[in-house]
N, C-alpha and C. Protein backbone atom coordinates (compact mmCIF):
# COMPACT_ATOMS: atom_id res chain seq x y z
N MET A 1 10.26 45.42 65.57
CA MET A 1 11.01 46.66 65.47
C MET A 1 12.43 46.34 65.01
N GLU A 2 12.85 47.02 63.98
CA GLU A 2 14.20 46.83 63.47
C GLU A 2 15.06 48.02 63.89
N LEU A 3 16.22 47.72 64.46
CA LEU A 3 17.13 48.79 64.89
C LEU A 3 18.07 49.14 63.74
N LYS A 4 17.76 50.24 63.06
CA LYS A 4 18.56 50.68 61.93
C LYS A 4 18.87 52.16 62.08
N ALA A 5 20.03 52.55 61.57
CA ALA A 5 20.41 53.96 61.58
C ALA A 5 19.30 54.78 60.94
N GLY A 6 19.00 55.91 61.55
CA GLY A 6 17.95 56.79 61.06
C GLY A 6 16.61 56.58 61.72
N SER A 7 16.46 55.51 62.51
CA SER A 7 15.20 55.27 63.21
C SER A 7 14.99 56.36 64.26
N ILE A 8 13.75 56.81 64.34
CA ILE A 8 13.38 57.85 65.30
C ILE A 8 12.51 57.20 66.38
N PHE A 9 12.89 57.42 67.62
CA PHE A 9 12.16 56.87 68.76
C PHE A 9 11.78 58.01 69.70
N VAL A 10 10.74 57.79 70.46
CA VAL A 10 10.44 58.69 71.57
C VAL A 10 10.62 57.90 72.86
N VAL A 11 11.33 58.50 73.79
CA VAL A 11 11.47 57.94 75.14
C VAL A 11 10.47 58.71 75.99
N LYS A 12 9.47 58.02 76.52
CA LYS A 12 8.42 58.71 77.27
C LYS A 12 8.95 59.36 78.54
N LYS A 13 9.91 58.69 79.17
CA LYS A 13 10.49 59.22 80.42
C LYS A 13 12.01 59.23 80.29
N PHE A 14 12.51 60.23 79.58
CA PHE A 14 13.96 60.38 79.42
C PHE A 14 14.49 61.17 80.60
N GLU A 15 15.53 60.63 81.26
CA GLU A 15 16.11 61.31 82.41
C GLU A 15 17.39 62.02 82.01
N PHE A 16 17.40 63.34 82.21
CA PHE A 16 18.56 64.16 81.90
C PHE A 16 19.58 64.09 83.04
N GLU A 17 20.77 64.62 82.79
CA GLU A 17 21.86 64.59 83.77
C GLU A 17 21.46 65.25 85.09
N ASP A 18 20.59 66.26 85.02
CA ASP A 18 20.18 66.98 86.23
C ASP A 18 19.00 66.32 86.95
N GLY A 19 18.56 65.14 86.44
CA GLY A 19 17.47 64.41 87.06
C GLY A 19 16.09 64.76 86.51
N PHE A 20 16.00 65.80 85.69
CA PHE A 20 14.74 66.20 85.08
C PHE A 20 14.29 65.11 84.12
N VAL A 21 13.00 64.77 84.15
CA VAL A 21 12.45 63.70 83.31
C VAL A 21 11.34 64.27 82.43
N LYS A 22 11.43 63.98 81.13
CA LYS A 22 10.36 64.38 80.20
C LYS A 22 10.48 63.54 78.93
N PRO A 23 9.43 63.52 78.10
CA PRO A 23 9.52 62.80 76.83
C PRO A 23 10.59 63.43 75.93
N LYS A 24 11.32 62.58 75.20
CA LYS A 24 12.39 63.09 74.35
C LYS A 24 12.51 62.20 73.12
N PHE A 25 12.70 62.84 71.95
CA PHE A 25 12.95 62.10 70.72
C PHE A 25 14.43 61.80 70.60
N LEU A 26 14.73 60.59 70.14
CA LEU A 26 16.11 60.15 69.87
C LEU A 26 16.19 59.66 68.44
N VAL A 27 17.35 59.85 67.82
CA VAL A 27 17.60 59.32 66.48
C VAL A 27 18.76 58.34 66.56
N GLN A 28 18.55 57.15 66.02
CA GLN A 28 19.60 56.13 66.00
C GLN A 28 20.65 56.51 64.96
N LEU A 29 21.92 56.44 65.36
CA LEU A 29 23.02 56.88 64.50
C LEU A 29 23.82 55.76 63.86
N ASN A 30 23.68 54.55 64.34
CA ASN A 30 24.50 53.46 63.78
C ASN A 30 23.67 52.22 63.52
N ASN A 31 24.26 51.31 62.78
CA ASN A 31 23.73 49.96 62.60
C ASN A 31 24.68 49.06 63.38
N PRO A 32 24.34 48.73 64.62
CA PRO A 32 25.31 48.03 65.48
C PRO A 32 25.71 46.67 64.94
N ARG A 33 27.02 46.45 64.99
CA ARG A 33 27.58 45.15 64.65
C ARG A 33 27.64 44.33 65.94
N LYS A 34 28.11 43.13 65.84
CA LYS A 34 28.15 42.23 66.99
C LYS A 34 28.80 42.90 68.19
N ASN A 35 28.09 42.86 69.32
CA ASN A 35 28.54 43.38 70.61
C ASN A 35 28.71 44.90 70.66
N GLU A 36 28.24 45.62 69.66
CA GLU A 36 28.31 47.08 69.70
C GLU A 36 27.00 47.63 70.26
N PRO A 37 27.07 48.74 70.99
CA PRO A 37 25.84 49.36 71.49
C PRO A 37 25.11 50.08 70.36
N VAL A 38 23.86 50.41 70.60
CA VAL A 38 23.10 51.24 69.68
C VAL A 38 23.33 52.68 70.12
N LEU A 39 23.70 53.53 69.16
CA LEU A 39 24.03 54.92 69.47
C LEU A 39 22.89 55.84 69.04
N PHE A 40 22.53 56.75 69.94
CA PHE A 40 21.45 57.68 69.69
C PHE A 40 21.92 59.11 69.96
N CYS A 41 21.33 60.06 69.24
CA CYS A 41 21.52 61.47 69.60
C CYS A 41 20.16 62.03 70.00
N LEU A 42 20.21 63.06 70.83
CA LEU A 42 19.00 63.76 71.23
C LEU A 42 18.54 64.69 70.12
N THR A 43 17.29 65.04 70.15
CA THR A 43 16.76 66.06 69.25
C THR A 43 16.15 67.17 70.09
N THR A 44 16.00 68.31 69.48
CA THR A 44 15.28 69.40 70.12
C THR A 44 14.56 70.22 69.07
N SER A 45 13.41 70.74 69.44
CA SER A 45 12.69 71.63 68.54
C SER A 45 12.64 73.04 69.11
N GLN A 46 13.31 73.24 70.23
CA GLN A 46 13.34 74.56 70.86
C GLN A 46 14.31 75.48 70.14
N VAL A 47 13.81 76.61 69.71
CA VAL A 47 14.64 77.60 69.02
C VAL A 47 15.48 78.35 70.05
N LYS A 48 16.77 78.39 69.82
CA LYS A 48 17.69 79.17 70.67
C LYS A 48 18.49 80.07 69.75
N ARG A 49 19.04 81.13 70.27
CA ARG A 49 19.75 82.08 69.40
C ARG A 49 20.99 81.48 68.77
N TYR A 50 21.59 80.46 69.40
CA TYR A 50 22.78 79.85 68.83
C TYR A 50 22.45 78.73 67.84
N ARG A 51 21.16 78.40 67.71
CA ARG A 51 20.72 77.46 66.68
C ARG A 51 20.05 78.28 65.59
N LYS A 52 20.42 78.04 64.37
CA LYS A 52 19.84 78.77 63.26
C LYS A 52 19.01 77.83 62.41
N LYS A 53 17.89 78.33 61.90
CA LYS A 53 17.04 77.50 61.07
C LYS A 53 17.64 77.29 59.69
N TYR A 54 18.54 78.15 59.30
CA TYR A 54 19.18 78.03 58.00
C TYR A 54 20.66 78.16 58.21
N PRO A 55 21.50 77.40 57.59
CA PRO A 55 21.15 76.49 56.52
C PRO A 55 20.56 75.19 57.04
N ILE A 56 19.74 74.58 56.23
CA ILE A 56 19.23 73.26 56.54
C ILE A 56 20.41 72.31 56.48
N GLY A 57 20.46 71.37 57.37
CA GLY A 57 21.55 70.40 57.37
C GLY A 57 22.58 70.70 58.42
N CYS A 58 23.83 70.44 58.07
CA CYS A 58 24.93 70.50 59.03
C CYS A 58 25.25 71.93 59.44
N GLN A 59 25.35 72.13 60.73
CA GLN A 59 25.76 73.39 61.31
C GLN A 59 26.99 73.09 62.16
N ARG A 60 28.11 72.93 61.47
CA ARG A 60 29.33 72.43 62.10
C ARG A 60 29.75 73.22 63.33
N LYS A 61 29.68 74.53 63.27
CA LYS A 61 30.15 75.34 64.41
C LYS A 61 29.30 75.14 65.65
N SER A 62 28.02 74.85 65.46
CA SER A 62 27.15 74.72 66.63
C SER A 62 26.85 73.28 67.01
N LYS A 63 27.41 72.32 66.29
CA LYS A 63 27.27 70.90 66.61
C LYS A 63 25.85 70.38 66.43
N TYR A 64 25.12 70.97 65.50
CA TYR A 64 23.74 70.58 65.25
C TYR A 64 23.55 70.21 63.79
N PHE A 65 22.50 69.42 63.55
CA PHE A 65 22.04 69.14 62.20
C PHE A 65 20.59 69.55 62.18
N PHE A 66 20.23 70.48 61.31
CA PHE A 66 18.88 71.04 61.27
C PHE A 66 18.04 70.36 60.19
N ILE A 67 16.84 69.91 60.59
CA ILE A 67 15.87 69.32 59.67
C ILE A 67 14.58 70.11 59.79
N LYS A 68 14.14 70.67 58.67
CA LYS A 68 12.87 71.40 58.66
C LYS A 68 11.71 70.44 58.89
N LYS A 69 10.62 70.99 59.37
CA LYS A 69 9.38 70.22 59.53
C LYS A 69 9.15 69.42 58.25
N CYS A 70 8.90 68.12 58.41
CA CYS A 70 8.75 67.25 57.24
C CYS A 70 7.93 66.04 57.61
N ASN A 71 7.96 65.03 56.76
CA ASN A 71 7.14 63.84 57.03
C ASN A 71 7.65 63.00 58.20
N TYR A 72 8.87 63.25 58.70
CA TYR A 72 9.30 62.47 59.87
C TYR A 72 9.51 63.31 61.12
N PHE A 73 9.41 64.61 61.03
CA PHE A 73 9.39 65.46 62.23
C PHE A 73 8.26 66.48 62.07
N GLU A 74 7.40 66.58 63.08
CA GLU A 74 6.25 67.49 63.03
C GLU A 74 6.65 68.95 63.21
N LYS A 75 7.85 69.20 63.70
CA LYS A 75 8.34 70.56 63.92
C LYS A 75 9.75 70.67 63.35
N ASP A 76 10.22 71.90 63.12
CA ASP A 76 11.63 72.10 62.81
C ASP A 76 12.43 71.48 63.95
N THR A 77 13.45 70.69 63.60
CA THR A 77 14.16 69.89 64.61
C THR A 77 15.66 69.94 64.40
N TRP A 78 16.38 70.02 65.51
CA TRP A 78 17.84 69.95 65.49
C TRP A 78 18.28 68.64 66.12
N LEU A 79 19.20 67.94 65.46
CA LEU A 79 19.85 66.77 66.07
C LEU A 79 21.05 67.30 66.83
N GLU A 80 21.19 66.92 68.07
CA GLU A 80 22.30 67.37 68.91
C GLU A 80 23.43 66.35 68.78
N LEU A 81 24.34 66.60 67.85
CA LEU A 81 25.37 65.63 67.51
C LEU A 81 26.50 65.54 68.54
N ASP A 82 26.54 66.44 69.49
CA ASP A 82 27.57 66.38 70.53
C ASP A 82 27.08 65.64 71.77
N ARG A 83 25.85 65.16 71.75
CA ARG A 83 25.29 64.42 72.89
C ARG A 83 24.84 63.05 72.40
N ILE A 84 25.77 62.10 72.43
CA ILE A 84 25.48 60.75 71.95
C ILE A 84 25.35 59.81 73.15
N PHE A 85 24.29 59.01 73.11
CA PHE A 85 24.01 58.05 74.18
C PHE A 85 24.11 56.64 73.61
N ASP A 86 24.67 55.72 74.39
CA ASP A 86 24.74 54.34 73.94
C ASP A 86 23.84 53.47 74.82
N TYR A 87 23.07 52.62 74.15
CA TYR A 87 22.16 51.69 74.82
C TYR A 87 22.54 50.29 74.36
N ASP A 88 22.66 49.37 75.31
CA ASP A 88 22.85 47.99 74.88
C ASP A 88 21.48 47.41 74.52
N PHE A 89 21.51 46.30 73.80
CA PHE A 89 20.27 45.73 73.28
C PHE A 89 19.29 45.38 74.41
N GLY A 90 19.81 44.91 75.54
CA GLY A 90 18.95 44.56 76.68
C GLY A 90 18.20 45.77 77.21
N LYS A 91 18.86 46.89 77.30
CA LYS A 91 18.22 48.13 77.79
C LYS A 91 17.12 48.57 76.81
N ILE A 92 17.39 48.42 75.51
CA ILE A 92 16.38 48.79 74.51
C ILE A 92 15.17 47.87 74.63
N LEU A 93 15.41 46.57 74.72
CA LEU A 93 14.29 45.62 74.85
C LEU A 93 13.47 45.91 76.10
N ASN A 94 14.14 46.16 77.21
CA ASN A 94 13.44 46.46 78.45
C ASN A 94 12.58 47.71 78.32
N ASN A 95 13.14 48.76 77.71
CA ASN A 95 12.39 50.01 77.53
C ASN A 95 11.22 49.83 76.57
N CYS A 96 11.38 48.99 75.54
CA CYS A 96 10.27 48.70 74.62
C CYS A 96 9.18 47.92 75.34
N TYR A 97 9.59 46.92 76.09
CA TYR A 97 8.64 46.06 76.80
C TYR A 97 7.81 46.86 77.80
N ASN A 98 8.45 47.79 78.52
CA ASN A 98 7.69 48.55 79.51
C ASN A 98 7.01 49.79 78.92
N GLY A 99 7.10 49.96 77.59
CA GLY A 99 6.40 51.04 76.92
C GLY A 99 7.08 52.39 76.98
N ASN A 100 8.32 52.42 77.43
CA ASN A 100 9.04 53.69 77.56
C ASN A 100 9.72 54.11 76.25
N LEU A 101 10.02 53.17 75.37
CA LEU A 101 10.68 53.47 74.10
C LEU A 101 9.76 53.06 72.96
N ILE A 102 9.39 54.03 72.12
CA ILE A 102 8.42 53.78 71.06
C ILE A 102 9.00 54.23 69.73
N TYR A 103 8.97 53.33 68.75
CA TYR A 103 9.41 53.66 67.40
C TYR A 103 8.40 54.61 66.78
N LYS A 104 8.90 55.68 66.14
CA LYS A 104 8.01 56.67 65.52
C LYS A 104 8.13 56.74 64.01
N ASN A 105 9.36 56.72 63.49
CA ASN A 105 9.54 56.97 62.07
C ASN A 105 10.98 56.66 61.68
N LYS A 106 11.35 56.96 60.43
CA LYS A 106 12.72 56.77 59.98
C LYS A 106 13.12 57.89 59.04
N ILE A 107 14.32 58.39 59.25
CA ILE A 107 14.90 59.41 58.38
C ILE A 107 15.30 58.74 57.07
N ASP A 108 15.08 59.42 55.94
CA ASP A 108 15.42 58.81 54.65
C ASP A 108 16.94 58.71 54.48
N ASP A 109 17.36 57.84 53.56
CA ASP A 109 18.78 57.53 53.38
C ASP A 109 19.61 58.74 52.96
N ASP A 110 19.08 59.60 52.11
CA ASP A 110 19.84 60.78 51.67
C ASP A 110 20.16 61.69 52.85
N CYS A 111 19.17 61.93 53.69
CA CYS A 111 19.37 62.77 54.88
C CYS A 111 20.34 62.08 55.84
N LEU A 112 20.23 60.77 55.97
CA LEU A 112 21.11 60.01 56.86
C LEU A 112 22.57 60.13 56.43
N ILE A 113 22.81 60.10 55.13
CA ILE A 113 24.18 60.27 54.63
C ILE A 113 24.70 61.67 54.96
N GLU A 114 23.85 62.68 54.84
CA GLU A 114 24.25 64.05 55.20
C GLU A 114 24.59 64.14 56.69
N ILE A 115 23.81 63.47 57.52
CA ILE A 115 24.08 63.46 58.97
C ILE A 115 25.43 62.79 59.23
N LYS A 116 25.68 61.66 58.57
CA LYS A 116 26.96 60.96 58.72
C LYS A 116 28.11 61.87 58.34
N ASP A 117 27.98 62.56 57.20
CA ASP A 117 29.05 63.46 56.76
C ASP A 117 29.26 64.59 57.75
N CYS A 118 28.20 65.07 58.35
CA CYS A 118 28.31 66.13 59.36
C CYS A 118 29.03 65.60 60.60
N ILE A 119 28.68 64.40 61.02
CA ILE A 119 29.31 63.79 62.19
C ILE A 119 30.81 63.59 61.95
N LYS A 120 31.18 63.23 60.73
CA LYS A 120 32.60 63.03 60.41
C LYS A 120 33.41 64.30 60.64
N GLU A 121 32.78 65.46 60.52
CA GLU A 121 33.46 66.75 60.69
C GLU A 121 33.60 67.15 62.16
N SER A 122 32.88 66.49 63.05
CA SER A 122 32.86 66.88 64.45
C SER A 122 34.17 66.56 65.15
N LYS A 123 34.61 67.48 65.96
CA LYS A 123 35.82 67.28 66.78
C LYS A 123 35.45 66.83 68.20
N ASP A 124 34.14 66.78 68.49
CA ASP A 124 33.68 66.53 69.85
C ASP A 124 33.17 65.11 70.09
N ILE A 125 33.20 64.28 69.07
CA ILE A 125 32.69 62.92 69.22
C ILE A 125 33.87 61.97 69.43
N ASP A 126 33.75 61.13 70.43
CA ASP A 126 34.77 60.14 70.74
C ASP A 126 35.09 59.32 69.49
N GLU A 127 36.38 59.07 69.27
CA GLU A 127 36.87 58.37 68.07
C GLU A 127 36.20 57.01 67.88
N GLN A 128 36.03 56.26 68.95
CA GLN A 128 35.42 54.93 68.85
C GLN A 128 33.95 55.03 68.44
N LEU A 129 33.22 55.99 69.02
CA LEU A 129 31.82 56.18 68.64
C LEU A 129 31.72 56.63 67.19
N LEU A 130 32.60 57.54 66.81
CA LEU A 130 32.63 58.04 65.44
C LEU A 130 32.79 56.89 64.44
N LYS A 131 33.69 55.98 64.75
CA LYS A 131 33.94 54.83 63.88
C LYS A 131 32.69 53.95 63.77
N MET A 132 32.00 53.71 64.89
CA MET A 132 30.79 52.89 64.87
C MET A 132 29.70 53.51 64.01
N ILE A 133 29.65 54.84 64.00
CA ILE A 133 28.63 55.54 63.20
C ILE A 133 29.01 55.53 61.73
N VAL A 134 30.18 56.04 61.43
CA VAL A 134 30.61 56.24 60.04
C VAL A 134 30.71 54.94 59.27
N GLU A 135 31.20 53.89 59.91
CA GLU A 135 31.41 52.62 59.21
C GLU A 135 30.14 51.82 59.01
N THR A 136 29.08 52.14 59.74
CA THR A 136 27.86 51.31 59.61
C THR A 136 26.71 52.01 58.92
N ILE A 137 26.86 53.30 58.62
CA ILE A 137 25.82 54.00 57.86
C ILE A 137 26.15 53.83 56.38
N ILE A 138 25.11 53.66 55.58
CA ILE A 138 25.31 53.46 54.15
C ILE A 138 26.19 54.51 53.53
N LYS A 139 26.85 54.16 52.47
CA LYS A 139 27.80 55.08 51.81
C LYS A 139 27.08 56.00 50.87
C-alpha cells in the first residue's frame, strides 16, 4: 500500500468525537514528508440541506468538496474539508495490520488539484496543516 494524496480508505470502526463507531471513508490529503503525519478528511454521502449537489467541486461557503458518483465513489460524496485528522505512520500500519484500515481507490490527479485549490481558500484549516497539504500535492 502506497500512502499518496488522493488515496481513499475505509476505516471499518471509525470512532467519532461522541463515541459513536461506524465504517467511514477517508481521503488522504497530503504526501507526507519526513516526520509529517498523514492527513485525512472525512467523507459523507448523506444529503443535507446545507450541502448542495451542484456545483460539482468546491463549495467554499459550506466547507465541502462535492464529487458526483463516479469510478472512485459509488454514491454522490462530499469531502468534509473542515474536519482533518492526522495519523502517524505507526497508527496507519497498526490499523492496516488489524484490518481496520482498507485501501479502496484513488482520486485522479485533476480532481486532486481542484481539492487542493479548494483547501487553499479555506479559512478554517490550521496554517501548518494547510502547508503540508498544499506543498505536497502535485501542481
